[in-house]
Amino acid sequence: MILVTRLNGTKFYINAELIRTIESTPDTVITLVDDMKLVVKEAPEIIVERVVEYRRKVRAPFSGIDSLD
């Protein structure tokens, strides 16, 4: 799960595995696999960084890596 912020400032978590696309229109719109669209404050690059970090943390225990550093 990754933390994102609605345009009204409300923070919430979304399942990073369900993200289909992220676009800037100029607002950032996240489209999930079920075609639900979420408009958030974070730039697409920030969302991608959070997804990469999430996946690194989730998969690290199975990769034989002792540390995430």
Protein backbone atom coordinates (compact mmCIF):
# COMPACT_ATOMS: atom_id res chain seq x y z
CA MET A 1 0.00 0.00 0.00
CA ILE A 2 1.18 3.52 -0.72
CA LEU A 3 0.08 6.79 0.86
CA VAL A 4 -1.43 9.46 -1.41
CA THR A 5 -3.26 12.75 -0.85
CA ARG A 6 -6.58 13.85 -2.34
CA LEU A 7 -6.80 17.42 -3.62
CA ASN A 8 -8.73 18.35 -0.45
CA GLY A 9 -5.78 17.22 1.70
CA THR A 10 -7.21 13.90 2.86
CA LYS A 11 -4.55 11.19 2.99
CA PHE A 12 -5.36 7.59 2.14
CA TYR A 13 -3.66 4.37 1.09
CA ILE A 14 -4.07 2.58 -2.22
CA ASN A 15 -2.94 -0.87 -3.24
CA ALA A 16 0.12 -0.31 -5.42
CA GLU A 17 -0.45 -3.65 -7.16
CA LEU A 18 -3.77 -2.39 -8.57
CA ILE A 19 -2.41 0.68 -10.38
CA ARG A 20 -2.84 0.47 -14.16
CA THR A 21 -1.74 3.99 -15.21
CA ILE A 22 -0.60 7.30 -13.74
CA GLU A 23 -1.01 10.48 -15.77
CA SER A 24 -0.66 14.22 -15.33
CA THR A 25 -3.58 16.19 -16.80
CA PRO A 26 -2.26 18.60 -15.08
CA ASP A 27 -3.64 16.96 -11.91
CA THR A 28 -2.26 13.51 -11.24
CA VAL A 29 -4.83 10.85 -12.12
CA ILE A 30 -4.25 7.26 -11.01
CA THR A 31 -6.30 4.67 -12.88
CA LEU A 32 -6.73 1.32 -11.16
CA VAL A 33 -7.19 -2.02 -12.90
CA ASP A 34 -10.97 -1.79 -12.38
CA ASP A 35 -10.95 1.61 -14.21
CA MET A 36 -11.57 3.56 -10.99
CA LYS A 37 -9.85 6.95 -11.26
CA LEU A 38 -8.26 8.76 -8.32
CA VAL A 39 -7.07 12.38 -8.47
CA VAL A 40 -4.17 13.07 -6.11
CA LYS A 41 -1.78 15.90 -5.23
CA GLU A 42 1.46 13.96 -5.67
CA ALA A 43 3.31 14.19 -8.98
CA PRO A 44 3.43 11.00 -11.09
CA GLU A 45 7.17 10.68 -10.40
CA ILE A 46 6.51 10.61 -6.64
CA ILE A 47 3.85 7.92 -7.05
CA VAL A 48 6.26 5.81 -9.11
CA GLU A 49 8.99 6.23 -6.45
CA ARG A 50 6.54 5.09 -3.76
CA VAL A 51 5.47 2.07 -5.80
CA VAL A 52 9.10 1.07 -6.41
CA GLU A 53 9.91 1.45 -2.70
CA TYR A 54 6.81 -0.53 -1.72
CA ARG A 55 7.72 -3.37 -4.08
CA ARG A 56 11.31 -3.36 -2.84
CA LYS A 57 10.12 -3.73 0.76
CA VAL A 58 7.59 -6.43 -0.05
CA ARG A 59 9.93 -8.52 -2.18
CA ALA A 60 13.16 -8.10 -0.19
CA PRO A 61 12.42 -10.95 2.25
CA PHE A 62 12.15 -13.34 -0.70
CA SER A 63 15.22 -12.16 -2.58
CA GLY A 64 17.84 -13.19 -0.03
CA ILE A 65 18.82 -9.58 0.61
CA ASP A 66 19.50 -8.82 4.28
CA SER A 67 19.13 -5.06 3.97
CA LEU A 68 17.31 -2.59 1.75
CA ASP A 69 20.33 -0.24 1.73
